[in-house]
Structure formats: structure tokens, C-alpha cells
């Protein structure tokens, strides 16, 4: 009689597992900071709830894209990712490195062939990339377009150093870059740029122990 009871309980338990309806829900997208820094890689995470009492192996997809035109900057996929009962956190396996001025939207999705309710399987979140722009540029740095539409950059070096000067458009595309060595003191240089249309650009300057970024406007 004891053996019979054990067998009946096991069959009931197996039937319960087989008939449980899987409903995986994406509940949150998180990033390390409220505002991410350009050129600094980070890992995105998402929170996923598993409503069953068993571990479910699902596919988790990470996509980072532009919020309007949807070009995809980054994709990552976790195959057969184990989701324990209740709340889970899944993390991308590769870092996403944002660029200056980039507009970014995260789109994450979890899928399982037996999931009974797919409307809660994905989430979208817009997040901010720091412009890296000095709202009040220090006196040792200035950049702007002169009357000849040539970009002039003024900077002061405490010591002789090699510098890196670059120009970016609002989409985060590199327009021009040049690297030169300068002695200690103040310098004014012209950034080598192609024919530029009117608009907003970002000038970035880097030297050992010194980084500056400013927004400039070109009007034709």
C-alpha cells in the first residue's frame, strides 16, 4: 500500500509539471549608470520572471539601436539561458561601447517555444549617453568656426605633449581627426575638415592628463 501511494504522488507531480503553462515576462532593463559615458563600455542587464516551479531554458536577445531610424549598433544572444523559478537577471556577454552624441534605445526579448503569453516577452528603454560637453569651457580651451568657416581650436598645455583633436557630428560619426606634438604653452590650430554643412558638431581634445569637449555650431 505504501508503494502504491508513492507511485500515485509521483504521477500527479509529473502531470503537474507537464501541464504547467509557461509565461516568461521581461520586467526591467537596467544599465550601470543613469547617464553612460561615451567610449566607455558597459554591460546591459534585463530582469525576467519565470512563473513556473521549474527551471526553463529560453533564448534572450539584446539589441541596442537608434530610437528613431532603428539602425542596430549592437546585438547579443544568450541561447538556452537557464531561468530559475521567479525573478532572474540576464546580462549581455559583450560590452556595448557608446559613441559621443549617440541616441540609444535598448530592445530586449525573451522567447520560449512553449510560452503561452508573448505580449510581455519584450521591453524597450531609451537611455542617455553623456555628450561629454563642458557647459562652461575652461579658459585654457576654446573652439569655434571663424569668418572663413575654418574651425579654430585654442588650447594651453602645462607641458610638452602629443595631442589628439577630433570633430564629430550629432549622430556620433567621426568627421575629422588629427594628432600632433606641441611644446608647453598656448596654441591655436586649425582642424583639417572637409566641406561641412550647417549644423551642430562636437570638438574633442585630449592630451596626457587633459580632456576637453565643446559643442560648436557651423552656419553657412
Protein backbone atom coordinates (compact mmCIF):
# COMPACT_ATOMS: atom_id res chain seq x y z
CA UNK A 1 0.00 0.00 0.00
CA UNK A 2 2.85 2.37 0.84
CA UNK A 3 4.49 1.72 -2.55
CA UNK A 4 1.19 2.38 -4.34
CA UNK A 5 0.80 5.78 -2.66
CA UNK A 6 4.32 6.83 -3.67
CA UNK A 7 3.67 5.92 -7.29
CA UNK A 8 0.42 7.89 -7.39
CA UNK A 9 2.07 11.01 -5.92
CA UNK A 10 4.91 10.82 -8.46
CA UNK A 11 2.47 10.57 -11.37
CA UNK A 12 0.49 13.55 -10.05
CA UNK A 13 3.68 15.59 -9.73
CA UNK A 14 4.78 14.71 -13.24
CA UNK A 15 1.35 15.63 -14.62
CA UNK A 16 1.53 19.00 -12.84
CA UNK A 17 4.93 19.78 -14.39
CA UNK A 18 3.85 18.72 -17.86
CA UNK A 19 0.65 20.79 -17.76
CA UNK A 20 2.14 23.97 -16.19
CA UNK A 21 1.74 26.92 -18.55
CA UNK A 22 4.97 28.80 -19.14
CA UNK A 23 4.72 32.57 -19.05
CA UNK A 24 8.11 34.31 -19.20
CA UNK A 25 7.88 38.07 -18.71
CA UNK A 26 10.53 40.74 -19.27
CA UNK A 27 10.15 43.11 -16.30
CA UNK A 28 13.04 45.60 -16.42
CA UNK A 29 16.06 46.79 -18.41
CA UNK A 30 18.95 48.19 -16.40
CA UNK A 31 22.31 49.81 -17.17
CA UNK A 32 25.17 50.57 -14.74
CA UNK A 33 24.60 54.35 -14.73
CA UNK A 34 21.72 56.76 -15.32
CA UNK A 35 23.89 58.52 -17.92
CA UNK A 36 26.55 56.45 -19.67
CA UNK A 37 29.86 57.95 -20.75
CA UNK A 38 30.94 57.90 -24.41
CA UNK A 39 33.78 55.50 -25.30
CA UNK A 40 33.27 53.61 -22.01
CA UNK A 41 31.95 50.08 -22.44
CA UNK A 42 29.20 48.70 -20.22
CA UNK A 43 27.05 45.58 -19.90
CA UNK A 44 23.26 45.80 -20.15
CA UNK A 45 21.02 43.65 -17.97
CA UNK A 46 17.39 42.62 -18.04
CA UNK A 47 15.11 41.15 -15.39
CA UNK A 48 12.98 38.17 -16.42
CA UNK A 49 10.28 36.42 -14.39
CA UNK A 50 9.65 32.69 -14.73
CA UNK A 51 6.15 31.83 -13.47
CA UNK A 52 6.72 28.07 -13.25
CA UNK A 53 8.18 25.97 -10.46
CA UNK A 54 10.85 24.53 -12.75
CA UNK A 55 13.98 25.87 -14.46
CA UNK A 56 13.15 26.93 -18.02
CA UNK A 57 15.77 27.27 -20.76
CA UNK A 58 14.99 30.23 -23.01
CA UNK A 59 16.54 32.46 -25.63
CA UNK A 60 17.39 36.02 -24.52
CA UNK A 61 18.17 38.63 -27.18
CA UNK A 62 19.80 42.01 -26.56
CA UNK A 63 19.64 44.78 -29.16
CA UNK A 64 20.82 48.38 -28.90
CA UNK A 65 19.68 50.71 -31.68
CA UNK A 66 18.80 54.26 -32.64
CA UNK A 67 15.35 55.17 -31.22
CA UNK A 68 14.02 56.70 -34.43
CA UNK A 69 15.65 55.23 -37.52
CA UNK A 70 16.49 51.86 -35.91
CA UNK A 71 19.99 51.14 -37.23
CA UNK A 72 21.32 48.43 -34.93
CA UNK A 73 24.51 49.32 -33.05
CA UNK A 74 24.85 46.11 -31.04
CA UNK A 75 23.32 42.63 -30.77
CA UNK A 76 23.92 39.73 -28.41
CA UNK A 77 22.02 36.47 -27.88
CA UNK A 78 22.02 34.02 -24.98
CA UNK A 79 20.92 30.58 -26.13
CA UNK A 80 19.32 28.05 -23.75
CA UNK A 81 19.69 30.51 -20.89
CA UNK A 82 18.55 28.92 -17.58
CA UNK A 83 15.73 30.84 -15.89
CA UNK A 84 15.07 29.69 -12.35
CA UNK A 85 11.57 29.92 -10.85
CA UNK A 86 10.75 33.54 -10.00
CA UNK A 87 12.94 36.55 -10.73
CA UNK A 88 16.11 36.25 -12.85
CA UNK A 89 18.73 38.64 -14.19
CA UNK A 90 20.29 38.06 -17.61
CA UNK A 91 23.38 40.00 -18.68
CA UNK A 92 24.85 40.52 -22.13
CA UNK A 93 28.10 38.66 -22.72
CA UNK A 94 29.74 41.57 -24.56
CA UNK A 95 30.13 45.23 -23.72
CA UNK A 96 28.43 47.96 -25.71
CA UNK A 97 30.67 50.99 -26.27
CA UNK A 98 28.61 54.12 -27.00
CA UNK A 99 29.92 57.00 -29.08
CA UNK A 100 29.75 60.71 -28.47
CA UNK A 101 26.35 62.17 -29.35
CA UNK A 102 24.73 58.78 -29.95
CA UNK A 103 20.99 58.38 -29.31
CA UNK A 104 20.43 54.92 -27.88
CA UNK A 105 17.48 52.63 -27.28
CA UNK A 106 17.66 49.15 -25.76
CA UNK A 107 15.31 46.41 -27.01
CA UNK A 108 15.43 43.08 -25.14
CA UNK A 109 13.33 39.96 -25.75
CA UNK A 110 12.96 36.51 -24.18
CA UNK A 111 11.46 33.62 -26.15
CA UNK A 112 10.49 30.01 -25.45
CA UNK A 113 8.53 27.72 -27.80
CA UNK A 114 6.01 26.85 -25.05
CA UNK A 115 5.45 30.38 -23.77
CA UNK A 116 1.69 30.91 -23.62
CA UNK A 117 1.64 34.72 -23.48
CA UNK A 118 4.05 36.61 -25.73
CA UNK A 119 2.85 40.19 -25.16
CA UNK A 120 5.14 40.58 -22.11
CA UNK A 121 8.23 38.98 -23.67
CA UNK A 122 9.98 42.20 -24.69
CA UNK A 123 10.84 45.65 -23.36
CA UNK A 124 12.15 48.89 -24.83
CA UNK A 125 14.09 51.53 -22.91
CA UNK A 126 15.69 54.77 -24.06
CA UNK A 127 18.82 55.72 -22.18
CA UNK A 128 21.18 58.63 -22.24
CA UNK A 129 24.77 58.88 -23.39
CA UNK A 130 26.64 61.83 -21.93
CA UNK A 131 27.54 64.43 -24.52
CA UNK A 132 30.85 64.89 -22.75
CA UNK A 133 30.41 68.60 -23.35
CA UNK A 134 31.75 71.22 -20.96
CA UNK A 135 28.82 73.56 -20.40
CA UNK A 136 31.28 76.28 -19.39
CA UNK A 137 34.56 75.52 -21.19
CA UNK A 138 37.64 76.49 -19.17
CA UNK A 139 39.77 79.47 -20.18
CA UNK A 140 42.56 77.19 -21.43
CA UNK A 141 40.40 75.83 -24.26
CA UNK A 142 38.24 77.35 -27.00
CA UNK A 143 36.88 76.12 -30.32
CA UNK A 144 34.74 77.79 -32.96
CA UNK A 145 34.27 78.50 -36.65
CA UNK A 146 35.88 81.73 -37.84
CA UNK A 147 34.75 84.09 -40.57
CA UNK A 148 36.41 81.86 -43.16
CA UNK A 149 34.36 78.87 -41.91
CA UNK A 150 37.60 77.28 -40.72
CA UNK A 151 37.45 75.59 -37.36
CA UNK A 152 39.91 77.21 -34.95
CA UNK A 153 40.91 75.49 -31.72
CA UNK A 154 42.85 77.21 -28.93
CA UNK A 155 44.36 75.27 -26.03
CA UNK A 156 47.05 75.59 -23.36
CA UNK A 157 49.41 72.78 -22.37
CA UNK A 158 51.15 72.73 -18.97
CA UNK A 159 53.89 70.55 -20.50
CA UNK A 160 55.01 69.46 -23.94
CA UNK A 161 52.70 66.71 -25.16
CA UNK A 162 51.14 64.94 -28.11
CA UNK A 163 47.51 65.89 -28.60
CA UNK A 164 44.52 64.30 -30.27
CA UNK A 165 41.91 66.60 -31.79
CA UNK A 166 38.70 65.29 -33.35
CA UNK A 167 35.42 66.56 -34.75
CA UNK A 168 32.13 64.61 -34.53
CA UNK A 169 28.65 65.22 -35.90
CA UNK A 170 25.41 64.87 -33.91
CA UNK A 171 24.94 61.23 -34.97
CA UNK A 172 28.25 60.25 -33.37
CA UNK A 173 30.08 59.95 -36.70
CA UNK A 174 33.74 60.95 -36.74
CA UNK A 175 34.22 63.80 -39.24
CA UNK A 176 37.91 64.60 -38.84
CA UNK A 177 40.82 63.73 -36.57
CA UNK A 178 44.45 64.80 -36.26
CA UNK A 179 47.30 64.19 -33.84
CA UNK A 180 50.31 66.47 -33.34
CA UNK A 181 53.01 67.18 -30.75
CA UNK A 182 53.22 70.66 -29.18
CA UNK A 183 55.54 72.34 -26.67
CA UNK A 184 54.38 73.78 -23.37
CA UNK A 185 52.21 76.89 -23.65
CA UNK A 186 49.25 78.23 -25.64
CA UNK A 187 48.48 77.17 -29.20
CA UNK A 188 45.88 77.91 -31.84
CA UNK A 189 45.41 75.40 -34.63
CA UNK A 190 43.02 74.83 -37.49
CA UNK A 191 41.32 71.48 -37.59
CA UNK A 192 41.53 69.90 -41.02
CA UNK A 193 37.88 69.45 -42.03
CA UNK A 194 36.12 68.65 -45.29
CA UNK A 195 33.29 70.80 -46.61
CA UNK A 196 30.79 70.78 -43.78
CA UNK A 197 27.10 71.55 -43.93
CA UNK A 198 25.47 73.83 -41.40
CA UNK A 199 24.73 72.19 -38.08
CA UNK A 200 25.93 71.22 -34.63
CA UNK A 201 29.27 69.48 -34.13
CA UNK A 202 31.36 68.35 -31.18
CA UNK A 203 35.06 69.08 -30.78
CA UNK A 204 37.06 66.75 -28.55
CA UNK A 205 40.59 67.42 -27.38
CA UNK A 206 42.83 65.03 -25.47
CA UNK A 207 46.37 65.24 -24.09
CA UNK A 208 48.03 63.46 -21.14
CA UNK A 209 46.04 64.46 -18.06
CA UNK A 210 43.82 66.84 -20.03
CA UNK A 211 40.48 66.29 -21.82
CA UNK A 212 38.16 68.92 -23.23
CA UNK A 213 34.89 68.71 -25.21
CA UNK A 214 32.78 71.57 -26.58
CA UNK A 215 29.81 71.98 -28.86
CA UNK A 216 30.26 74.20 -31.92
CA UNK A 217 27.74 75.45 -34.47
CA UNK A 218 28.53 75.96 -38.14
CA UNK A 219 26.40 78.34 -40.17
CA UNK A 220 26.98 78.54 -43.91
